[in-house]
N, C-alpha and C. Protein backbone atom coordinates (compact mmCIF):
# COMPACT_ATOMS: atom_id res chain seq x y z
N MET A 1 11.34 24.34 -3.12
CA MET A 1 11.41 23.11 -2.35
C MET A 1 10.86 21.96 -3.19
N ALA A 2 11.56 20.88 -3.22
CA ALA A 2 11.08 19.70 -3.92
C ALA A 2 10.03 19.00 -3.07
N THR A 3 9.41 18.01 -3.68
CA THR A 3 8.41 17.25 -2.94
C THR A 3 9.09 16.28 -1.97
N ILE A 4 8.33 15.89 -0.95
CA ILE A 4 8.81 14.88 -0.01
C ILE A 4 7.84 13.71 -0.06
N ASP A 5 8.31 12.54 0.30
CA ASP A 5 7.44 11.37 0.38
C ASP A 5 6.94 11.24 1.81
N VAL A 6 5.64 10.95 1.95
CA VAL A 6 5.09 10.67 3.28
C VAL A 6 4.64 9.22 3.32
N THR A 7 4.70 8.66 4.51
CA THR A 7 4.32 7.27 4.74
C THR A 7 3.36 7.22 5.91
N GLU A 8 2.93 6.02 6.24
CA GLU A 8 2.07 5.85 7.42
C GLU A 8 2.77 6.36 8.67
N ASP A 9 4.10 6.27 8.71
CA ASP A 9 4.86 6.71 9.88
C ASP A 9 5.05 8.23 9.94
N THR A 10 5.06 8.91 8.78
CA THR A 10 5.39 10.33 8.77
C THR A 10 4.23 11.25 8.41
N PHE A 11 3.11 10.68 7.98
CA PHE A 11 1.99 11.50 7.52
C PHE A 11 1.50 12.47 8.59
N GLU A 12 1.15 11.96 9.75
CA GLU A 12 0.57 12.80 10.81
C GLU A 12 1.50 13.93 11.20
N GLU A 13 2.77 13.62 11.38
CA GLU A 13 3.75 14.65 11.74
C GLU A 13 3.86 15.72 10.64
N THR A 14 3.78 15.29 9.39
CA THR A 14 3.91 16.21 8.26
C THR A 14 2.74 17.19 8.19
N VAL A 15 1.52 16.69 8.36
CA VAL A 15 0.35 17.55 8.18
C VAL A 15 -0.08 18.29 9.43
N SER A 16 0.49 17.95 10.59
CA SER A 16 -0.01 18.53 11.84
C SER A 16 0.76 19.75 12.31
N GLY A 17 1.68 20.23 11.54
CA GLY A 17 2.44 21.41 11.96
C GLY A 17 1.81 22.70 11.48
N GLU A 18 2.51 23.78 11.75
CA GLU A 18 2.09 25.09 11.26
C GLU A 18 2.39 25.18 9.76
N GLY A 19 1.65 26.02 9.08
CA GLY A 19 1.91 26.24 7.66
C GLY A 19 1.01 25.42 6.76
N ILE A 20 1.36 25.43 5.48
CA ILE A 20 0.54 24.80 4.45
C ILE A 20 1.24 23.54 3.95
N VAL A 21 0.46 22.46 3.86
CA VAL A 21 0.96 21.19 3.35
C VAL A 21 -0.01 20.68 2.29
N LEU A 22 0.50 20.43 1.10
CA LEU A 22 -0.29 19.80 0.05
C LEU A 22 0.13 18.35 -0.03
N VAL A 23 -0.84 17.44 -0.07
CA VAL A 23 -0.55 16.01 -0.16
C VAL A 23 -1.20 15.48 -1.44
N ASP A 24 -0.37 14.90 -2.28
CA ASP A 24 -0.82 14.27 -3.52
C ASP A 24 -0.83 12.76 -3.29
N ALA A 25 -2.04 12.17 -3.22
CA ALA A 25 -2.17 10.72 -3.08
C ALA A 25 -2.21 10.13 -4.49
N TRP A 26 -1.30 9.21 -4.76
CA TRP A 26 -1.10 8.71 -6.12
C TRP A 26 -0.72 7.23 -6.09
N ALA A 27 -0.65 6.64 -7.28
CA ALA A 27 -0.13 5.28 -7.45
C ALA A 27 0.60 5.22 -8.78
N ASP A 28 1.58 4.34 -8.85
CA ASP A 28 2.43 4.24 -10.03
C ASP A 28 1.67 3.82 -11.29
N TRP A 29 0.60 3.04 -11.13
CA TRP A 29 -0.16 2.54 -12.27
C TRP A 29 -1.18 3.55 -12.79
N CYS A 30 -1.33 4.69 -12.15
CA CYS A 30 -2.38 5.66 -12.44
C CYS A 30 -1.91 6.69 -13.48
N GLY A 31 -2.52 6.66 -14.65
CA GLY A 31 -2.16 7.60 -15.71
C GLY A 31 -2.36 9.06 -15.33
N PRO A 32 -3.55 9.44 -14.81
CA PRO A 32 -3.74 10.83 -14.40
C PRO A 32 -2.73 11.27 -13.32
N CYS A 33 -2.34 10.33 -12.45
CA CYS A 33 -1.35 10.66 -11.41
C CYS A 33 -0.02 11.02 -12.06
N LYS A 34 0.36 10.25 -13.07
CA LYS A 34 1.63 10.51 -13.76
C LYS A 34 1.61 11.85 -14.49
N ARG A 35 0.44 12.22 -15.03
CA ARG A 35 0.33 13.51 -15.71
C ARG A 35 0.33 14.67 -14.72
N PHE A 36 -0.22 14.44 -13.51
CA PHE A 36 -0.28 15.50 -12.49
C PHE A 36 1.07 15.69 -11.80
N ALA A 37 1.89 14.66 -11.73
CA ALA A 37 3.16 14.72 -10.98
C ALA A 37 4.05 15.90 -11.39
N PRO A 38 4.28 16.16 -12.68
CA PRO A 38 5.14 17.30 -13.02
C PRO A 38 4.51 18.66 -12.67
N VAL A 39 3.20 18.74 -12.71
CA VAL A 39 2.49 19.97 -12.31
C VAL A 39 2.73 20.22 -10.82
N PHE A 40 2.57 19.18 -10.02
CA PHE A 40 2.77 19.24 -8.57
C PHE A 40 4.22 19.62 -8.26
N GLU A 41 5.16 18.98 -8.95
CA GLU A 41 6.59 19.24 -8.74
C GLU A 41 6.94 20.69 -9.09
N LYS A 42 6.42 21.19 -10.20
CA LYS A 42 6.71 22.57 -10.62
C LYS A 42 6.19 23.57 -9.59
N GLU A 43 4.98 23.33 -9.08
CA GLU A 43 4.43 24.24 -8.06
C GLU A 43 5.28 24.19 -6.79
N SER A 44 5.84 23.02 -6.48
CA SER A 44 6.68 22.92 -5.28
C SER A 44 7.92 23.80 -5.40
N GLU A 45 8.39 23.97 -6.61
CA GLU A 45 9.56 24.82 -6.85
C GLU A 45 9.20 26.30 -6.79
N GLU A 46 7.95 26.63 -7.08
CA GLU A 46 7.52 28.02 -7.10
C GLU A 46 7.01 28.51 -5.75
N HIS A 47 6.70 27.60 -4.84
CA HIS A 47 6.16 27.97 -3.53
C HIS A 47 7.02 27.33 -2.44
N SER A 48 8.18 27.90 -2.21
CA SER A 48 9.13 27.32 -1.25
C SER A 48 8.64 27.41 0.19
N ASP A 49 7.59 28.21 0.44
CA ASP A 49 7.04 28.35 1.78
C ASP A 49 5.95 27.31 2.07
N VAL A 50 5.71 26.40 1.13
CA VAL A 50 4.67 25.39 1.25
C VAL A 50 5.34 24.01 1.19
N THR A 51 4.85 23.07 2.00
CA THR A 51 5.34 21.69 1.94
C THR A 51 4.50 20.91 0.94
N PHE A 52 5.17 20.25 0.02
CA PHE A 52 4.52 19.42 -0.99
C PHE A 52 4.89 17.97 -0.70
N ALA A 53 3.89 17.16 -0.38
CA ALA A 53 4.13 15.77 0.01
C ALA A 53 3.42 14.82 -0.95
N LYS A 54 4.07 13.69 -1.23
CA LYS A 54 3.50 12.66 -2.09
C LYS A 54 3.24 11.42 -1.26
N LEU A 55 2.03 10.89 -1.38
CA LEU A 55 1.63 9.69 -0.65
C LEU A 55 1.35 8.57 -1.66
N ASP A 56 2.23 7.58 -1.68
CA ASP A 56 2.07 6.42 -2.55
C ASP A 56 1.00 5.51 -1.92
N THR A 57 -0.17 5.48 -2.53
CA THR A 57 -1.29 4.73 -1.94
C THR A 57 -1.08 3.22 -2.00
N GLU A 58 -0.26 2.74 -2.92
CA GLU A 58 0.02 1.30 -3.00
C GLU A 58 0.95 0.88 -1.86
N ALA A 59 1.95 1.69 -1.57
CA ALA A 59 2.91 1.36 -0.51
C ALA A 59 2.34 1.64 0.88
N ASN A 60 1.28 2.44 0.95
CA ASN A 60 0.69 2.85 2.24
C ASN A 60 -0.81 2.61 2.22
N GLN A 61 -1.21 1.36 1.96
CA GLN A 61 -2.62 1.05 1.79
C GLN A 61 -3.44 1.28 3.04
N GLY A 62 -2.86 1.05 4.21
CA GLY A 62 -3.59 1.28 5.46
C GLY A 62 -3.92 2.75 5.64
N LEU A 63 -2.97 3.60 5.35
CA LEU A 63 -3.18 5.04 5.47
C LEU A 63 -4.19 5.51 4.42
N ALA A 64 -4.06 5.01 3.20
CA ALA A 64 -5.01 5.38 2.15
C ALA A 64 -6.43 4.99 2.55
N ALA A 65 -6.58 3.82 3.16
CA ALA A 65 -7.91 3.39 3.62
C ALA A 65 -8.40 4.28 4.76
N ALA A 66 -7.51 4.60 5.70
CA ALA A 66 -7.90 5.45 6.83
C ALA A 66 -8.32 6.84 6.34
N LEU A 67 -7.69 7.32 5.28
CA LEU A 67 -8.03 8.62 4.71
C LEU A 67 -9.22 8.54 3.75
N GLN A 68 -9.74 7.33 3.56
CA GLN A 68 -10.88 7.08 2.68
C GLN A 68 -10.63 7.56 1.26
N ILE A 69 -9.43 7.29 0.77
CA ILE A 69 -9.09 7.65 -0.61
C ILE A 69 -9.65 6.57 -1.52
N GLN A 70 -10.59 6.95 -2.36
CA GLN A 70 -11.24 5.98 -3.24
C GLN A 70 -10.94 6.24 -4.71
N SER A 71 -10.36 7.40 -5.00
CA SER A 71 -10.03 7.76 -6.37
C SER A 71 -8.71 8.53 -6.34
N ILE A 72 -7.86 8.26 -7.32
CA ILE A 72 -6.58 8.97 -7.36
C ILE A 72 -6.38 9.56 -8.75
N PRO A 73 -5.63 10.63 -8.83
CA PRO A 73 -5.00 11.31 -7.70
C PRO A 73 -6.03 12.02 -6.82
N THR A 74 -5.73 12.09 -5.55
CA THR A 74 -6.51 12.90 -4.61
C THR A 74 -5.56 13.92 -4.01
N LEU A 75 -5.97 15.17 -4.04
CA LEU A 75 -5.17 16.25 -3.48
C LEU A 75 -5.83 16.70 -2.18
N MET A 76 -5.03 16.72 -1.12
CA MET A 76 -5.48 17.22 0.18
C MET A 76 -4.60 18.40 0.55
N VAL A 77 -5.22 19.45 1.10
CA VAL A 77 -4.46 20.62 1.53
C VAL A 77 -4.76 20.87 3.00
N PHE A 78 -3.70 20.98 3.77
CA PHE A 78 -3.79 21.26 5.20
C PHE A 78 -3.16 22.61 5.46
N ARG A 79 -3.77 23.37 6.36
CA ARG A 79 -3.14 24.60 6.83
C ARG A 79 -3.29 24.62 8.35
N ASP A 80 -2.17 24.75 9.02
CA ASP A 80 -2.14 24.76 10.49
C ASP A 80 -2.92 23.56 11.05
N SER A 81 -2.65 22.38 10.52
CA SER A 81 -3.21 21.10 10.98
C SER A 81 -4.67 20.87 10.58
N ILE A 82 -5.29 21.77 9.86
CA ILE A 82 -6.70 21.64 9.48
C ILE A 82 -6.78 21.35 7.98
N MET A 83 -7.50 20.28 7.61
CA MET A 83 -7.71 20.02 6.19
C MET A 83 -8.68 21.07 5.66
N VAL A 84 -8.23 21.86 4.71
CA VAL A 84 -9.05 22.94 4.16
C VAL A 84 -9.52 22.65 2.74
N PHE A 85 -8.98 21.57 2.14
CA PHE A 85 -9.37 21.23 0.77
C PHE A 85 -9.07 19.76 0.55
N ARG A 86 -9.97 19.11 -0.20
CA ARG A 86 -9.75 17.73 -0.60
C ARG A 86 -10.56 17.49 -1.86
N GLU A 87 -9.90 16.97 -2.89
CA GLU A 87 -10.61 16.71 -4.14
C GLU A 87 -9.85 15.66 -4.94
N ALA A 88 -10.60 14.76 -5.53
CA ALA A 88 -10.01 13.77 -6.42
C ALA A 88 -9.91 14.37 -7.81
N GLY A 89 -8.87 13.98 -8.53
CA GLY A 89 -8.68 14.45 -9.90
C GLY A 89 -7.46 15.35 -10.01
N ALA A 90 -6.87 15.32 -11.17
CA ALA A 90 -5.68 16.13 -11.43
C ALA A 90 -6.08 17.56 -11.78
N LEU A 91 -5.43 18.52 -11.13
CA LEU A 91 -5.70 19.92 -11.43
C LEU A 91 -4.74 20.43 -12.49
N PRO A 92 -5.20 21.31 -13.38
CA PRO A 92 -4.27 21.94 -14.30
C PRO A 92 -3.39 22.94 -13.54
N PRO A 93 -2.25 23.32 -14.12
CA PRO A 93 -1.31 24.20 -13.42
C PRO A 93 -1.94 25.48 -12.88
N ALA A 94 -2.74 26.17 -13.67
CA ALA A 94 -3.32 27.44 -13.22
C ALA A 94 -4.26 27.22 -12.04
N ALA A 95 -5.02 26.13 -12.06
CA ALA A 95 -5.95 25.86 -10.96
C ALA A 95 -5.19 25.52 -9.67
N LEU A 96 -4.11 24.76 -9.78
CA LEU A 96 -3.32 24.43 -8.59
C LEU A 96 -2.68 25.69 -8.01
N ASP A 97 -2.15 26.53 -8.87
CA ASP A 97 -1.55 27.77 -8.40
C ASP A 97 -2.59 28.66 -7.72
N ASP A 98 -3.78 28.75 -8.31
CA ASP A 98 -4.86 29.55 -7.72
C ASP A 98 -5.29 28.97 -6.37
N LEU A 99 -5.38 27.65 -6.28
CA LEU A 99 -5.74 27.01 -5.02
C LEU A 99 -4.74 27.36 -3.93
N ILE A 100 -3.46 27.28 -4.23
CA ILE A 100 -2.43 27.61 -3.25
C ILE A 100 -2.56 29.05 -2.79
N LYS A 101 -2.82 29.96 -3.70
CA LYS A 101 -3.00 31.37 -3.33
C LYS A 101 -4.23 31.55 -2.45
N GLN A 102 -5.30 30.83 -2.75
CA GLN A 102 -6.51 30.93 -1.92
C GLN A 102 -6.25 30.41 -0.50
N VAL A 103 -5.52 29.31 -0.40
CA VAL A 103 -5.21 28.76 0.92
C VAL A 103 -4.32 29.73 1.70
N LYS A 104 -3.37 30.37 1.03
CA LYS A 104 -2.50 31.35 1.69
C LYS A 104 -3.32 32.54 2.21
N ASP A 105 -4.40 32.88 1.50
CA ASP A 105 -5.22 34.04 1.86
C ASP A 105 -6.30 33.73 2.90
N LEU A 106 -6.44 32.47 3.30
CA LEU A 106 -7.48 32.12 4.26
C LEU A 106 -7.30 32.85 5.59
N ASP A 107 -8.42 33.26 6.18
CA ASP A 107 -8.43 33.80 7.54
C ASP A 107 -8.56 32.60 8.46
N MET A 108 -7.44 32.14 9.02
CA MET A 108 -7.45 30.91 9.80
C MET A 108 -8.24 31.05 11.09
N ASN A 109 -8.37 32.25 11.64
CA ASN A 109 -9.23 32.43 12.82
C ASN A 109 -10.67 32.09 12.45
N GLU A 110 -11.10 32.52 11.28
CA GLU A 110 -12.46 32.21 10.82
C GLU A 110 -12.60 30.71 10.54
N VAL A 111 -11.60 30.11 9.95
CA VAL A 111 -11.64 28.67 9.68
C VAL A 111 -11.75 27.90 10.99
N ARG A 112 -10.94 28.26 11.99
CA ARG A 112 -11.00 27.58 13.29
C ARG A 112 -12.37 27.75 13.94
N ARG A 113 -12.96 28.95 13.81
CA ARG A 113 -14.29 29.19 14.37
C ARG A 113 -15.31 28.27 13.70
N GLN A 114 -15.23 28.15 12.39
CA GLN A 114 -16.17 27.30 11.66
C GLN A 114 -16.00 25.83 12.05
N VAL A 115 -14.75 25.40 12.24
CA VAL A 115 -14.50 24.01 12.65
C VAL A 115 -15.08 23.78 14.04
N GLU A 116 -14.89 24.73 14.95
CA GLU A 116 -15.46 24.60 16.30
C GLU A 116 -16.98 24.52 16.25
N GLU A 117 -17.61 25.33 15.40
CA GLU A 117 -19.07 25.29 15.26
C GLU A 117 -19.53 23.93 14.74
N GLN A 118 -18.83 23.40 13.74
CA GLN A 118 -19.18 22.10 13.18
C GLN A 118 -19.03 21.00 14.23
N ASN A 119 -17.96 21.08 15.01
CA ASN A 119 -17.74 20.07 16.05
C ASN A 119 -18.82 20.16 17.12
N ALA A 120 -19.20 21.39 17.51
CA ALA A 120 -20.24 21.56 18.52
C ALA A 120 -21.57 21.03 18.00
N GLN A 121 -21.86 21.28 16.73
CA GLN A 121 -23.10 20.79 16.14
C GLN A 121 -23.10 19.26 16.09
N ALA A 122 -21.96 18.68 15.73
CA ALA A 122 -21.86 17.22 15.68
C ALA A 122 -22.02 16.62 17.08
N ASP A 123 -21.44 17.28 18.08
CA ASP A 123 -21.57 16.81 19.47
C ASP A 123 -23.03 16.88 19.92
N ALA A 124 -23.73 17.95 19.54
CA ALA A 124 -25.13 18.11 19.92
C ALA A 124 -25.98 17.03 19.25
N GLU A 125 -25.70 16.74 17.97
CA GLU A 125 -26.44 15.70 17.26
C GLU A 125 -26.17 14.33 17.89
N ALA A 126 -24.93 14.08 18.30
CA ALA A 126 -24.59 12.81 18.93
C ALA A 126 -25.30 12.68 20.28
N ALA A 127 -25.38 13.78 21.02
CA ALA A 127 -26.06 13.76 22.32
C ALA A 127 -27.55 13.47 22.13
N LYS A 128 -28.16 14.04 21.09
CA LYS A 128 -29.57 13.76 20.81
C LYS A 128 -29.76 12.28 20.50
N GLY A 129 -28.83 11.72 19.73
CA GLY A 129 -28.92 10.31 19.39
C GLY A 129 -28.78 9.41 20.61
N ASP A 130 -27.93 9.83 21.55
CA ASP A 130 -27.74 9.05 22.79
C ASP A 130 -29.01 9.06 23.65
N GLN A 131 -29.78 10.15 23.57
CA GLN A 131 -30.98 10.28 24.39
C GLN A 131 -32.16 9.52 23.81
N ALA A 132 -32.10 9.23 22.53
CA ALA A 132 -33.23 8.57 21.86
C ALA A 132 -33.34 7.12 22.21
């Protein structure tokens, strides 16, 4: 599968479904982004069961700001609507391939449990702050 472009209008729909979605946040003027692009494209051809999306941060500045992207390229990985990885910087081919395999091997029931625990802890901290 080749890469797809995501925009402010299509981002949420793209990352909120079932399965794995990798999002490469980039800009045309960014040298490391240009070097990472063929690596990202090649992996998209090798993993047809994964969605590979490109987010042009210049054309979608509002979305880039909402995602708090401060350095590019930034790679975000979603699985079943949950962001499971986010890191700035271009990955070498072997590291990107290894990352995809790790995401495929995740126990999503455990990930969901951990997210629920984090949310409950955040809610408890917020409630303490409201009482102070």
